[in-house]
C-alpha atoms as a PDB file:
ATOM      1  CA  MET A   1     113.502-158.863  97.119  1.00  0.00           C
ATOM      2  CA  GLN A   2     110.816-158.883  94.520  1.00  0.00           C
ATOM      3  CA  GLU A   3     108.193-157.388  96.770  1.00  0.00           C
ATOM      4  CA  LYS A   4     110.279-154.429  97.448  1.00  0.00           C
ATOM      5  CA  LYS A   5     111.118-153.781  93.748  1.00  0.00           C
ATOM      6  CA  ASN A   6     107.367-153.895  92.900  1.00  0.00           C
ATOM      7  CA  GLN A   7     106.534-151.570  95.989  1.00  0.00           C
ATOM      8  CA  THR A   8     109.060-149.301  94.819  1.00  0.00           C
ATOM      9  CA  GLN A   9     107.758-149.308  91.187  1.00  0.00           C
ATOM     10  CA  GLN A  10     104.386-148.409  92.374  1.00  0.00           C
ATOM     11  CA  ASP A  11     105.464-145.526  94.492  1.00  0.00           C
ATOM     12  CA  LYS A  12     106.751-143.826  91.133  1.00  0.00           C
ATOM     13  CA  TYR A  13     104.399-141.509  89.055  1.00  0.00           C
ATOM     14  CA  THR A  14     104.408-142.198  85.193  1.00  0.00           C
ATOM     15  CA  VAL A  15     103.123-139.507  83.276  1.00  0.00           C
ATOM     16  CA  CYS A  16     102.340-140.051  79.487  1.00  0.00           C
ATOM     17  CA  LEU A  17     101.583-137.340  77.043  1.00  0.00           C
ATOM     18  CA  ALA A  18     100.181-138.015  73.686  1.00  0.00           C
ATOM     19  CA  ILE A  19     100.360-135.017  71.367  1.00  0.00           C
ATOM     20  CA  ASN A  20      99.364-135.505  67.649  1.00  0.00           C
ATOM     21  CA  ASP A  21     100.820-138.827  66.510  1.00  0.00           C
ATOM     22  CA  LYS A  22     103.584-139.037  69.115  1.00  0.00           C
ATOM     23  CA  SER A  23     103.574-140.037  72.511  1.00  0.00           C
ATOM     24  CA  TYR A  24     106.078-139.072  75.488  1.00  0.00           C
ATOM     25  CA  GLN A  25     106.529-140.702  78.753  1.00  0.00           C
ATOM     26  CA  ALA A  26     108.406-140.097  82.058  1.00  0.00           C
ATOM     27  CA  GLU A  27     108.659-141.454  85.590  1.00  0.00           C
ATOM     28  CA  GLY A  28     109.398-139.864  89.047  1.00  0.00           C
ATOM     29  CA  ASP A  29     108.817-139.623  92.439  1.00  0.00           C
ATOM     30  CA  THR A  30     106.399-136.659  92.024  1.00  0.00           C
ATOM     31  CA  ILE A  31     104.168-135.525  89.104  1.00  0.00           C
ATOM     32  CA  GLU A  32     106.051-132.477  88.859  1.00  0.00           C
ATOM     33  CA  GLU A  33     109.383-134.400  88.581  1.00  0.00           C
ATOM     34  CA  ALA A  34     107.878-136.869  85.885  1.00  0.00           C
ATOM     35  CA  LEU A  35     106.270-133.734  84.021  1.00  0.00           C
ATOM     36  CA  LEU A  36     109.720-131.861  83.811  1.00  0.00           C
ATOM     37  CA  GLN A  37     111.359-135.035  82.495  1.00  0.00           C
ATOM     38  CA  LEU A  38     108.972-134.805  79.542  1.00  0.00           C
ATOM     39  CA  GLU A  39     110.468-133.098  76.367  1.00  0.00           C
ATOM     40  CA  PRO A  40     108.188-132.775  73.716  1.00  0.00           C
ATOM     41  CA  GLU A  41     109.193-131.431  70.441  1.00  0.00           C
ATOM     42  CA  ASN A  42     106.094-129.277  69.882  1.00  0.00           C
ATOM     43  CA  TYR A  43     103.803-128.669  72.720  1.00  0.00           C
ATOM     44  CA  LYS A  44     101.698-125.783  71.253  1.00  0.00           C
ATOM     45  CA  THR A  45      98.851-128.037  70.363  1.00  0.00           C
ATOM     46  CA  ALA A  46      96.304-129.933  72.343  1.00  0.00           C
ATOM     47  CA  GLY A  47      97.359-133.127  74.208  1.00  0.00           C
ATOM     48  CA  VAL A  48      96.186-135.894  76.464  1.00  0.00           C
ATOM     49  CA  PHE A  49      97.951-136.716  79.776  1.00  0.00           C
ATOM     50  CA  THR A  50      97.870-140.002  81.345  1.00  0.00           C
ATOM     51  CA  ILE A  51      99.119-140.286  84.851  1.00  0.00           C
ATOM     52  CA  MET A  52      99.523-143.611  86.545  1.00  0.00           C
ATOM     53  CA  LEU A  53     100.628-144.341  90.105  1.00  0.00           C
ATOM     54  CA  GLY A  54     100.657-148.245  90.609  1.00  0.00           C
ATOM     55  CA  ASP A  55      97.111-149.506  89.369  1.00  0.00           C
ATOM     56  CA  LYS A  56      95.679-146.093  89.486  1.00  0.00           C
ATOM     57  CA  LYS A  57      95.262-144.118  86.338  1.00  0.00           C
ATOM     58  CA  ARG A  58      93.996-140.575  85.633  1.00  0.00           C
ATOM     59  CA  GLU A  59      93.325-139.274  82.063  1.00  0.00           C
ATOM     60  CA  GLN A  60      93.105-135.434  81.309  1.00  0.00           C
ATOM     61  CA  TYR A  61      92.845-133.692  78.007  1.00  0.00           C
ATOM     62  CA  PHE A  62      94.162-130.341  77.809  1.00  0.00           C
ATOM     63  CA  ASN A  63      93.662-127.790  75.217  1.00  0.00           C
ATOM     64  CA  ILE A  64      96.488-125.883  73.312  1.00  0.00           C
ATOM     65  CA  HIS A  65      96.559-123.222  75.913  1.00  0.00           C
ATOM     66  CA  LYS A  66      96.776-125.461  78.962  1.00  0.00           C
ATOM     67  CA  THR A  67      99.439-127.613  77.375  1.00  0.00           C
ATOM     68  CA  ARG A  68     101.600-124.679  76.551  1.00  0.00           C
ATOM     69  CA  SER A  69     100.867-123.125  79.955  1.00  0.00           C
ATOM     70  CA  LEU A  70     101.891-126.339  81.759  1.00  0.00           C
ATOM     71  CA  PHE A  71     105.426-126.357  80.305  1.00  0.00           C
ATOM     72  CA  GLU A  72     106.041-122.675  80.427  1.00  0.00           C
ATOM     73  CA  LYS A  73     104.486-121.135  83.624  1.00  0.00           C
ATOM     74  CA  LYS A  74     105.367-122.694  86.787  1.00  0.00           C
ATOM     75  CA  MET A  75     102.485-121.101  88.776  1.00  0.00           C
ATOM     76  CA  PHE A  76      99.875-122.845  86.403  1.00  0.00           C
ATOM     77  CA  ARG A  77     101.906-126.122  86.489  1.00  0.00           C
ATOM     78  CA  ASP A  78     101.579-126.097  90.497  1.00  0.00           C
ATOM     79  CA  PHE A  79      97.927-125.498  90.238  1.00  0.00           C
ATOM     80  CA  MET A  80      97.434-128.300  87.591  1.00  0.00           C
ATOM     81  CA  ILE A  81      99.370-130.585  89.535  1.00  0.00           C
ATOM     82  CA  LYS A  82      97.077-130.240  92.472  1.00  0.00           C
ATOM     83  CA  ILE A  83      94.181-131.149  90.079  1.00  0.00           C
ATOM     84  CA  LEU A  84      95.961-134.246  88.610  1.00  0.00           C
ATOM     85  CA  LEU A  85      97.519-135.580  91.670  1.00  0.00           C
ATOM     86  CA  ILE A  86      96.675-139.186  92.742  1.00  0.00           C
ATOM     87  CA  PRO A  87      96.950-139.897  96.395  1.00  0.00           C
ATOM     88  CA  LYS A  88      99.488-142.699  97.378  1.00  0.00           C
END
């Protein structure tokens, strides 16, 4: 039973966004699902995204333009998801 729970936990993406002095975190079955659950108050500044899947971790710095575009433009979000993707 415990193995199944750990396996399910490892199949979920965890996305953390650090902007200024605040940190936001969300989980989802896909990166896009997790990103859409993030609700930063002010995303019009640079940020650091940390994407985790099990024990794999990827960190990416986004400047002001990329951070804003990630939340406002679906086409840009789809493009960046391909770059941020961690294979299962």
